Amino acid sequence: MSAELLPLETIISRIVLLRGQKVLLDADLAALYGVETRRLNEQVRRNLERFPDDFMFEASEEEFGNLKSHSATSSWGGRRKLPLAFTEHGAIMAATVLKSARAVEVSVYVVRAFVRLRELVVSNKELALRLDDLDSKIELMSMKHNAFENNARVQLKQIFDAIRELMAAPEPTQKRPIGFVIPDYTPAKP
C-alpha cells in the first residue's frame, strides 16, 4: 500500500490514549511502516538513547489488558512482551532508526494524524466556550423570566455538565524538554 493511499483516519484510528498521552503501539507503528514488530523493537532497543520517556515507553500489564478488553476484535496475537507505546516524536524517531523509504514516507502521515487530533482538541475548546456562553444566556433568561421552570433549568444544566465532561481533555503529564538541557551543575571545590 502506497502512503498516498493511506487515509489519515486509518492512522488516527490506531492512536490510543495511555498515561494521558496519544500514542501508537509498536505493532500498529510497525504495520504502518511496513516492517515486522520484532524488527521495529530491535532497532528501537539498539538506539534507546534516541527514545527518552516522552518519546516511548513500555505499556504496563494493566494498560495492555485494558487495551485488549476495549478492542472489539483481537489482533494482539500471542505476545510474549508488553507493547512499546510511541508518542508523536517517538514515531518519527522510529522512522529514522528504521532507515526504510516507506517508514520515512509514512512518518509524514503519522505526524499529520497527530496534528489532526490536536486540531480536534482545539475545536472542542471552541465548542466549550460556545457552550459556556449558551449556559450563561439560559441562566440569565431564567432569572429574568421566572416562567422558566426550575426542573427544566436543572435538566439543561445537567446536559451542559455532561457535554463538558465528554469534551474534557485528559490531564497532561509533565513532558521532558526537547533539546540539550544542562542539569544543575556545581563545580567540585579543590
C-alpha atoms as a PDB file:
ATOM      1  CA  MET A   1       0.000   0.000   0.000  1.00  0.00           C
ATOM      2  CA  SER A   2       1.425   3.364  -1.000  1.00  0.00           C
ATOM      3  CA  ALA A   3       1.465   6.114   1.588  1.00  0.00           C
ATOM      4  CA  GLU A   4      -0.519   8.222  -0.896  1.00  0.00           C
ATOM      5  CA  LEU A   5      -3.416   5.804  -0.436  1.00  0.00           C
ATOM      6  CA  LEU A   6      -3.099   5.799   3.352  1.00  0.00           C
ATOM      7  CA  PRO A   7      -6.025   7.789   4.752  1.00  0.00           C
ATOM      8  CA  LEU A   8      -5.407   9.796   7.917  1.00  0.00           C
ATOM      9  CA  GLU A   9      -8.411   8.093   9.501  1.00  0.00           C
ATOM     10  CA  THR A  10      -6.540   4.776   9.318  1.00  0.00           C
ATOM     11  CA  ILE A  11      -3.691   6.188  11.380  1.00  0.00           C
ATOM     12  CA  ILE A  12      -5.951   8.191  13.702  1.00  0.00           C
ATOM     13  CA  SER A  13      -7.970   5.056  14.464  1.00  0.00           C
ATOM     14  CA  ARG A  14      -4.787   3.346  15.681  1.00  0.00           C
ATOM     15  CA  ILE A  15      -3.793   6.155  18.045  1.00  0.00           C
ATOM     16  CA  VAL A  16      -4.729   5.319  21.635  1.00  0.00           C
ATOM     17  CA  LEU A  17      -4.546   7.211  24.906  1.00  0.00           C
ATOM     18  CA  LEU A  18      -2.117   5.845  27.509  1.00  0.00           C
ATOM     19  CA  ARG A  19      -0.884   7.725  30.572  1.00  0.00           C
ATOM     20  CA  GLY A  20      -2.573  10.860  29.309  1.00  0.00           C
ATOM     21  CA  GLN A  21      -0.649  10.779  26.019  1.00  0.00           C
ATOM     22  CA  LYS A  22      -1.735   9.925  22.499  1.00  0.00           C
ATOM     23  CA  VAL A  23       0.423   7.016  21.326  1.00  0.00           C
ATOM     24  CA  LEU A  24       0.807   4.390  18.626  1.00  0.00           C
ATOM     25  CA  LEU A  25       1.602   0.874  19.796  1.00  0.00           C
ATOM     26  CA  ASP A  26       4.602  -0.922  18.333  1.00  0.00           C
ATOM     27  CA  ALA A  27       2.546  -3.437  16.312  1.00  0.00           C
ATOM     28  CA  ASP A  28       0.470  -0.672  14.710  1.00  0.00           C
ATOM     29  CA  LEU A  29       3.505   1.508  14.011  1.00  0.00           C
ATOM     30  CA  ALA A  30       5.388  -1.433  12.525  1.00  0.00           C
ATOM     31  CA  ALA A  31       2.417  -2.253  10.269  1.00  0.00           C
ATOM     32  CA  LEU A  32       2.250   1.369   9.096  1.00  0.00           C
ATOM     33  CA  TYR A  33       5.989   1.413   8.411  1.00  0.00           C
ATOM     34  CA  GLY A  34       5.838  -1.948   6.618  1.00  0.00           C
ATOM     35  CA  VAL A  35       8.149  -3.879   8.947  1.00  0.00           C
ATOM     36  CA  GLU A  36       7.693  -6.672  11.460  1.00  0.00           C
ATOM     37  CA  THR A  37       7.051  -5.599  15.050  1.00  0.00           C
ATOM     38  CA  ARG A  38      10.093  -7.616  16.062  1.00  0.00           C
ATOM     39  CA  ARG A  39      12.329  -5.626  13.691  1.00  0.00           C
ATOM     40  CA  LEU A  40      10.956  -2.270  14.870  1.00  0.00           C
ATOM     41  CA  ASN A  41      11.545  -3.201  18.506  1.00  0.00           C
ATOM     42  CA  GLU A  42      15.072  -4.469  17.747  1.00  0.00           C
ATOM     43  CA  GLN A  43      16.017  -1.162  16.136  1.00  0.00           C
ATOM     44  CA  VAL A  44      14.463   0.818  18.986  1.00  0.00           C
ATOM     45  CA  ARG A  45      16.297  -1.213  21.643  1.00  0.00           C
ATOM     46  CA  ARG A  46      19.592  -0.751  19.743  1.00  0.00           C
ATOM     47  CA  ASN A  47      19.001   3.013  19.804  1.00  0.00           C
ATOM     48  CA  LEU A  48      17.442   3.519  23.251  1.00  0.00           C
ATOM     49  CA  GLU A  49      19.333   6.799  23.733  1.00  0.00           C
ATOM     50  CA  ARG A  50      17.105   8.261  20.998  1.00  0.00           C
ATOM     51  CA  PHE A  51      13.911   7.324  22.845  1.00  0.00           C
ATOM     52  CA  PRO A  52      13.503   9.161  26.159  1.00  0.00           C
ATOM     53  CA  ASP A  53      10.377   8.509  28.234  1.00  0.00           C
ATOM     54  CA  ASP A  54       8.408  11.245  26.478  1.00  0.00           C
ATOM     55  CA  PHE A  55       9.079   9.576  23.094  1.00  0.00           C
ATOM     56  CA  MET A  56       8.420   5.944  24.011  1.00  0.00           C
ATOM     57  CA  PHE A  57       7.512   3.775  26.995  1.00  0.00           C
ATOM     58  CA  GLU A  58       6.512   0.184  27.649  1.00  0.00           C
ATOM     59  CA  ALA A  59       2.840  -0.359  28.443  1.00  0.00           C
ATOM     60  CA  SER A  60       2.123  -1.969  31.801  1.00  0.00           C
ATOM     61  CA  GLU A  61       0.266  -5.273  32.104  1.00  0.00           C
ATOM     62  CA  GLU A  62      -2.837  -3.405  33.312  1.00  0.00           C
ATOM     63  CA  GLU A  63      -2.709  -0.898  30.427  1.00  0.00           C
ATOM     64  CA  PHE A  64      -2.236  -3.697  27.907  1.00  0.00           C
ATOM     65  CA  GLY A  65      -5.123  -5.650  29.438  1.00  0.00           C
ATOM     66  CA  ASN A  66      -7.370  -2.578  29.205  1.00  0.00           C
ATOM     67  CA  LEU A  67      -6.415  -2.051  25.563  1.00  0.00           C
ATOM     68  CA  LYS A  68      -7.196  -5.673  24.710  1.00  0.00           C
ATOM     69  CA  SER A  69     -10.550  -5.545  26.512  1.00  0.00           C
ATOM     70  CA  HIS A  70     -11.596  -2.358  24.651  1.00  0.00           C
ATOM     71  CA  SER A  71     -10.722  -3.839  21.270  1.00  0.00           C
ATOM     72  CA  ALA A  72     -13.721  -5.500  19.616  1.00  0.00           C
ATOM     73  CA  THR A  73     -11.563  -7.871  17.595  1.00  0.00           C
ATOM     74  CA  SER A  74      -8.337  -9.188  18.989  1.00  0.00           C
ATOM     75  CA  SER A  75      -5.368  -8.625  16.708  1.00  0.00           C
ATOM     76  CA  TRP A  76      -2.888  -8.861  19.531  1.00  0.00           C
ATOM     77  CA  GLY A  77      -1.851 -12.456  18.954  1.00  0.00           C
ATOM     78  CA  GLY A  78       0.352 -14.268  21.426  1.00  0.00           C
ATOM     79  CA  ARG A  79       2.726 -11.548  22.536  1.00  0.00           C
ATOM     80  CA  ARG A  80       5.477 -12.503  24.924  1.00  0.00           C
ATOM     81  CA  LYS A  81       6.476  -8.939  25.765  1.00  0.00           C
ATOM     82  CA  LEU A  82       4.431  -5.892  26.629  1.00  0.00           C
ATOM     83  CA  PRO A  83       3.999  -3.469  23.730  1.00  0.00           C
ATOM     84  CA  LEU A  84       6.005  -0.305  23.335  1.00  0.00           C
ATOM     85  CA  ALA A  85       3.959   2.891  23.055  1.00  0.00           C
ATOM     86  CA  PHE A  86       5.304   5.681  20.821  1.00  0.00           C
ATOM     87  CA  THR A  87       4.306   9.339  21.123  1.00  0.00           C
ATOM     88  CA  GLU A  88       4.321  11.539  18.031  1.00  0.00           C
ATOM     89  CA  HIS A  89       8.032  12.312  18.479  1.00  0.00           C
ATOM     90  CA  GLY A  90       8.821   8.670  19.154  1.00  0.00           C
ATOM     91  CA  ALA A  91       7.024   7.570  15.987  1.00  0.00           C
ATOM     92  CA  ILE A  92       9.123   9.983  13.942  1.00  0.00           C
ATOM     93  CA  MET A  93      12.314   8.844  15.664  1.00  0.00           C
ATOM     94  CA  ALA A  94      11.356   5.216  14.928  1.00  0.00           C
ATOM     95  CA  ALA A  95      11.200   6.075  11.222  1.00  0.00           C
ATOM     96  CA  THR A  96      14.744   7.427  11.396  1.00  0.00           C
ATOM     97  CA  VAL A  97      16.189   4.318  13.060  1.00  0.00           C
ATOM     98  CA  LEU A  98      14.419   2.002  10.595  1.00  0.00           C
ATOM     99  CA  LYS A  99      16.051   3.776   7.648  1.00  0.00           C
ATOM    100  CA  SER A 100      13.484   2.497   5.151  1.00  0.00           C
ATOM    101  CA  ALA A 101      11.921   4.624   2.429  1.00  0.00           C
ATOM    102  CA  ARG A 102       8.421   3.503   3.447  1.00  0.00           C
ATOM    103  CA  ALA A 103       8.974   4.469   7.100  1.00  0.00           C
ATOM    104  CA  VAL A 104      10.165   7.948   6.119  1.00  0.00           C
ATOM    105  CA  GLU A 105       7.254   8.364   3.686  1.00  0.00           C
ATOM    106  CA  VAL A 106       4.602   7.182   6.148  1.00  0.00           C
ATOM    107  CA  SER A 107       6.056   9.197   9.058  1.00  0.00           C
ATOM    108  CA  VAL A 108       4.721  12.333   7.337  1.00  0.00           C
ATOM    109  CA  TYR A 109       1.219  10.868   7.533  1.00  0.00           C
ATOM    110  CA  VAL A 110       1.727   9.890  11.163  1.00  0.00           C
ATOM    111  CA  VAL A 111       2.633  13.488  12.009  1.00  0.00           C
ATOM    112  CA  ARG A 112      -0.428  14.723  10.108  1.00  0.00           C
ATOM    113  CA  ALA A 113      -2.647  12.324  12.097  1.00  0.00           C
ATOM    114  CA  PHE A 114      -1.330  13.619  15.427  1.00  0.00           C
ATOM    115  CA  VAL A 115      -1.765  17.223  14.212  1.00  0.00           C
ATOM    116  CA  ARG A 116      -5.348  16.439  13.180  1.00  0.00           C
ATOM    117  CA  LEU A 117      -6.080  15.114  16.671  1.00  0.00           C
ATOM    118  CA  ARG A 118      -4.685  18.326  18.182  1.00  0.00           C
ATOM    119  CA  GLU A 119      -6.945  20.354  15.875  1.00  0.00           C
ATOM    120  CA  LEU A 120      -9.922  18.357  17.125  1.00  0.00           C
ATOM    121  CA  VAL A 121      -8.987  19.201  20.712  1.00  0.00           C
ATOM    122  CA  VAL A 122      -8.820  22.912  19.812  1.00  0.00           C
ATOM    123  CA  SER A 123     -12.229  22.749  18.133  1.00  0.00           C
ATOM    124  CA  ASN A 124     -13.579  21.111  21.307  1.00  0.00           C
ATOM    125  CA  LYS A 125     -12.257  24.059  23.320  1.00  0.00           C
ATOM    126  CA  GLU A 126     -14.055  26.470  20.982  1.00  0.00           C
ATOM    127  CA  LEU A 127     -17.227  24.414  21.396  1.00  0.00           C
ATOM    128  CA  ALA A 128     -16.793  24.575  25.178  1.00  0.00           C
ATOM    129  CA  LEU A 129     -16.613  28.370  25.025  1.00  0.00           C
ATOM    130  CA  ARG A 130     -19.807  28.491  22.984  1.00  0.00           C
ATOM    131  CA  LEU A 131     -21.456  26.107  25.437  1.00  0.00           C
ATOM    132  CA  ASP A 132     -20.466  28.351  28.364  1.00  0.00           C
ATOM    133  CA  ASP A 133     -21.931  31.344  26.535  1.00  0.00           C
ATOM    134  CA  LEU A 134     -25.203  29.484  25.898  1.00  0.00           C
ATOM    135  CA  ASP A 135     -25.324  28.315  29.525  1.00  0.00           C
ATOM    136  CA  SER A 136     -24.901  31.919  30.731  1.00  0.00           C
ATOM    137  CA  LYS A 137     -27.652  33.140  28.418  1.00  0.00           C
ATOM    138  CA  ILE A 138     -30.078  30.464  29.652  1.00  0.00           C
ATOM    139  CA  GLU A 139     -29.234  31.274  33.268  1.00  0.00           C
ATOM    140  CA  LEU A 140     -29.801  34.983  32.600  1.00  0.00           C
ATOM    141  CA  MET A 141     -33.074  34.233  30.823  1.00  0.00           C
ATOM    142  CA  SER A 142     -34.283  32.110  33.716  1.00  0.00           C
ATOM    143  CA  MET A 143     -33.514  34.892  36.202  1.00  0.00           C
ATOM    144  CA  LYS A 144     -35.355  37.491  34.138  1.00  0.00           C
ATOM    145  CA  HIS A 145     -38.336  35.288  33.400  1.00  0.00           C
ATOM    146  CA  ASN A 146     -39.499  33.211  36.340  1.00  0.00           C
ATOM    147  CA  ALA A 147     -41.692  31.359  33.897  1.00  0.00           C
ATOM    148  CA  PHE A 148     -38.744  29.108  33.095  1.00  0.00           C
ATOM    149  CA  GLU A 149     -39.393  26.028  35.178  1.00  0.00           C
ATOM    150  CA  ASN A 150     -36.759  25.118  37.745  1.00  0.00           C
ATOM    151  CA  ASN A 151     -36.840  21.450  36.653  1.00  0.00           C
ATOM    152  CA  ALA A 152     -36.097  22.351  33.019  1.00  0.00           C
ATOM    153  CA  ARG A 153     -33.210  24.580  34.133  1.00  0.00           C
ATOM    154  CA  VAL A 154     -31.727  21.761  36.229  1.00  0.00           C
ATOM    155  CA  GLN A 155     -32.044  19.333  33.319  1.00  0.00           C
ATOM    156  CA  LEU A 156     -30.311  21.748  30.942  1.00  0.00           C
ATOM    157  CA  LYS A 157     -27.516  22.275  33.475  1.00  0.00           C
ATOM    158  CA  GLN A 158     -27.049  18.502  33.732  1.00  0.00           C
ATOM    159  CA  ILE A 159     -26.870  18.235  29.937  1.00  0.00           C
ATOM    160  CA  PHE A 160     -24.290  21.039  29.745  1.00  0.00           C
ATOM    161  CA  ASP A 161     -22.228  19.419  32.511  1.00  0.00           C
ATOM    162  CA  ALA A 162     -22.338  16.042  30.744  1.00  0.00           C
ATOM    163  CA  ILE A 163     -21.216  17.600  27.441  1.00  0.00           C
ATOM    164  CA  ARG A 164     -18.357  19.423  29.180  1.00  0.00           C
ATOM    165  CA  GLU A 165     -17.248  16.190  30.818  1.00  0.00           C
ATOM    166  CA  LEU A 166     -17.185  14.412  27.445  1.00  0.00           C
ATOM    167  CA  MET A 167     -15.163  17.238  25.907  1.00  0.00           C
ATOM    168  CA  ALA A 168     -12.612  17.441  28.728  1.00  0.00           C
ATOM    169  CA  ALA A 169      -9.110  16.594  27.595  1.00  0.00           C
ATOM    170  CA  PRO A 170      -7.126  14.168  29.731  1.00  0.00           C
ATOM    171  CA  GLU A 171      -4.741  15.725  32.204  1.00  0.00           C
ATOM    172  CA  PRO A 172      -1.354  16.115  30.537  1.00  0.00           C
ATOM    173  CA  THR A 173       1.704  14.579  32.067  1.00  0.00           C
ATOM    174  CA  GLN A 174       4.811  16.690  32.571  1.00  0.00           C
ATOM    175  CA  LYS A 175       6.993  16.358  29.498  1.00  0.00           C
ATOM    176  CA  ARG A 176      10.737  16.459  29.356  1.00  0.00           C
ATOM    177  CA  PRO A 177      12.058  19.486  27.423  1.00  0.00           C
ATOM    178  CA  ILE A 178      13.419  18.829  23.944  1.00  0.00           C
ATOM    179  CA  GLY A 179      16.984  19.801  23.183  1.00  0.00           C
ATOM    180  CA  PHE A 180      20.182  19.996  25.136  1.00  0.00           C
ATOM    181  CA  VAL A 181      19.482  20.772  28.770  1.00  0.00           C
ATOM    182  CA  ILE A 182      22.313  21.329  31.235  1.00  0.00           C
ATOM    183  CA  PRO A 183      21.422  19.876  34.638  1.00  0.00           C
ATOM    184  CA  ASP A 184      22.122  21.898  37.745  1.00  0.00           C
ATOM    185  CA  TYR A 185      25.867  21.924  37.968  1.00  0.00           C
ATOM    186  CA  THR A 186      28.089  22.857  40.893  1.00  0.00           C
ATOM    187  CA  PRO A 187      31.828  22.516  40.346  1.00  0.00           C
ATOM    188  CA  ALA A 188      33.805  20.489  42.854  1.00  0.00           C
ATOM    189  CA  LYS A 189      35.989  22.512  45.211  1.00  0.00           C
ATOM    190  CA  PRO A 190      39.750  21.769  45.010  1.00  0.00           C
END
